[in-house]
C-alpha atoms as a PDB file:
ATOM      1  CA  UNK A   1       0.000   0.000   0.000  1.00  0.00           C
ATOM      2  CA  UNK A   2       1.258   3.471  -0.878  1.00  0.00           C
ATOM      3  CA  UNK A   3       2.322   5.824   1.853  1.00  0.00           C
ATOM      4  CA  UNK A   4      -0.219   8.588   2.543  1.00  0.00           C
ATOM      5  CA  UNK A   5       0.214  11.985   4.162  1.00  0.00           C
ATOM      6  CA  UNK A   6      -1.972  12.960   7.131  1.00  0.00           C
ATOM      7  CA  UNK A   7      -2.222  15.745   9.674  1.00  0.00           C
ATOM      8  CA  UNK A   8      -1.215  14.317  13.043  1.00  0.00           C
ATOM      9  CA  UNK A   9      -3.345  15.346  15.985  1.00  0.00           C
ATOM     10  CA  UNK A  10      -1.135  13.707  18.614  1.00  0.00           C
ATOM     11  CA  UNK A  11       1.941  15.868  18.013  1.00  0.00           C
ATOM     12  CA  UNK A  12       0.434  19.041  16.604  1.00  0.00           C
ATOM     13  CA  UNK A  13       1.292  22.581  17.640  1.00  0.00           C
ATOM     14  CA  UNK A  14      -1.252  24.427  15.498  1.00  0.00           C
ATOM     15  CA  UNK A  15      -2.971  22.194  12.967  1.00  0.00           C
ATOM     16  CA  UNK A  16      -0.713  19.156  12.650  1.00  0.00           C
ATOM     17  CA  UNK A  17       0.502  19.956   9.117  1.00  0.00           C
ATOM     18  CA  UNK A  18       4.224  20.111   9.974  1.00  0.00           C
ATOM     19  CA  UNK A  19       3.952  17.017  12.173  1.00  0.00           C
ATOM     20  CA  UNK A  20       2.266  15.157   9.320  1.00  0.00           C
ATOM     21  CA  UNK A  21       4.918  16.247   6.819  1.00  0.00           C
ATOM     22  CA  UNK A  22       7.666  15.181   9.215  1.00  0.00           C
ATOM     23  CA  UNK A  23       6.036  11.790   9.726  1.00  0.00           C
ATOM     24  CA  UNK A  24       5.655  11.333   5.968  1.00  0.00           C
ATOM     25  CA  UNK A  25       9.289  12.300   5.294  1.00  0.00           C
ATOM     26  CA  UNK A  26      10.454  10.357   8.392  1.00  0.00           C
ATOM     27  CA  UNK A  27      12.376  13.283   9.898  1.00  0.00           C
ATOM     28  CA  UNK A  28      12.064  15.280  13.111  1.00  0.00           C
ATOM     29  CA  UNK A  29       9.035  17.574  13.236  1.00  0.00           C
ATOM     30  CA  UNK A  30      11.121  20.336  14.848  1.00  0.00           C
ATOM     31  CA  UNK A  31      13.248  20.514  11.703  1.00  0.00           C
ATOM     32  CA  UNK A  32      10.145  20.892   9.514  1.00  0.00           C
ATOM     33  CA  UNK A  33       8.807  23.626  11.803  1.00  0.00           C
ATOM     34  CA  UNK A  34      12.123  25.511  11.714  1.00  0.00           C
ATOM     35  CA  UNK A  35      12.274  25.245   7.918  1.00  0.00           C
ATOM     36  CA  UNK A  36       8.682  26.434   7.672  1.00  0.00           C
ATOM     37  CA  UNK A  37       9.425  29.508   9.804  1.00  0.00           C
ATOM     38  CA  UNK A  38      12.653  30.274   7.917  1.00  0.00           C
ATOM     39  CA  UNK A  39      10.981  30.056   4.503  1.00  0.00           C
ATOM     40  CA  UNK A  40       8.052  32.062   5.834  1.00  0.00           C
ATOM     41  CA  UNK A  41      10.352  34.856   6.992  1.00  0.00           C
ATOM     42  CA  UNK A  42      12.212  34.866   3.677  1.00  0.00           C
ATOM     43  CA  UNK A  43       8.985  35.102   1.671  1.00  0.00           C
ATOM     44  CA  UNK A  44       7.339  37.795   3.806  1.00  0.00           C
ATOM     45  CA  UNK A  45       5.108  35.242   5.609  1.00  0.00           C
ATOM     46  CA  UNK A  46       2.065  35.427   3.342  1.00  0.00           C
ATOM     47  CA  UNK A  47       2.896  32.597   0.870  1.00  0.00           C
ATOM     48  CA  UNK A  48       3.788  30.137   3.654  1.00  0.00           C
ATOM     49  CA  UNK A  49       0.758  31.169   5.695  1.00  0.00           C
ATOM     50  CA  UNK A  50      -1.431  30.589   2.645  1.00  0.00           C
ATOM     51  CA  UNK A  51       0.242  27.205   1.997  1.00  0.00           C
ATOM     52  CA  UNK A  52      -0.349  26.169   5.628  1.00  0.00           C
ATOM     53  CA  UNK A  53      -4.039  27.131   5.520  1.00  0.00           C
ATOM     54  CA  UNK A  54      -4.554  25.239   2.252  1.00  0.00           C
ATOM     55  CA  UNK A  55      -2.668  22.180   3.535  1.00  0.00           C
ATOM     56  CA  UNK A  56      -4.692  22.303   6.771  1.00  0.00           C
ATOM     57  CA  UNK A  57      -7.918  22.260   4.772  1.00  0.00           C
ATOM     58  CA  UNK A  58      -6.865  19.533   2.314  1.00  0.00           C
ATOM     59  CA  UNK A  59      -4.852  17.042   4.395  1.00  0.00           C
ATOM     60  CA  UNK A  60      -6.955  14.377   6.121  1.00  0.00           C
ATOM     61  CA  UNK A  61      -6.562  13.856   9.866  1.00  0.00           C
ATOM     62  CA  UNK A  62      -5.043  10.581  10.975  1.00  0.00           C
ATOM     63  CA  UNK A  63      -7.302   9.063  13.619  1.00  0.00           C
ATOM     64  CA  UNK A  64      -4.589   7.574  15.828  1.00  0.00           C
ATOM     65  CA  UNK A  65      -6.897   7.036  18.800  1.00  0.00           C
ATOM     66  CA  UNK A  66      -9.426   5.146  16.678  1.00  0.00           C
ATOM     67  CA  UNK A  67      -6.689   2.938  15.223  1.00  0.00           C
ATOM     68  CA  UNK A  68      -5.432   2.102  18.717  1.00  0.00           C
ATOM     69  CA  UNK A  69      -8.935   1.294  19.931  1.00  0.00           C
ATOM     70  CA  UNK A  70      -9.539  -1.002  16.948  1.00  0.00           C
ATOM     71  CA  UNK A  71      -6.299  -2.850  17.677  1.00  0.00           C
ATOM     72  CA  UNK A  72      -7.245  -3.326  21.342  1.00  0.00           C
ATOM     73  CA  UNK A  73     -10.817  -4.424  20.622  1.00  0.00           C
ATOM     74  CA  UNK A  74     -11.279  -8.214  20.784  1.00  0.00           C
ATOM     75  CA  UNK A  75     -12.396  -9.849  17.546  1.00  0.00           C
ATOM     76  CA  UNK A  76     -15.997 -11.052  17.674  1.00  0.00           C
ATOM     77  CA  UNK A  77     -15.812 -13.036  20.886  1.00  0.00           C
ATOM     78  CA  UNK A  78     -19.228 -14.658  21.239  1.00  0.00           C
ATOM     79  CA  UNK A  79     -19.918 -16.749  24.308  1.00  0.00           C
ATOM     80  CA  UNK A  80     -22.829 -19.075  24.795  1.00  0.00           C
ATOM     81  CA  UNK A  81     -24.770 -18.894  28.030  1.00  0.00           C
END
């Protein structure tokens, strides 16, 4: 199955976009955040702010809690009384 990009709710600071990009690229999220701020300052903030808002709206949220609950849930355990 192909790798998919998600916004991560568990390690977000604002919307989870940088955390999702870091998870997708398999690098530290702090590095992505620092790069985002640096590029934002070099481009007068508006283009990076616009990119972040668009990415926030488009990227799906990864439901990590739901995935954990599904893994912990026992599989159809029927008992006869």
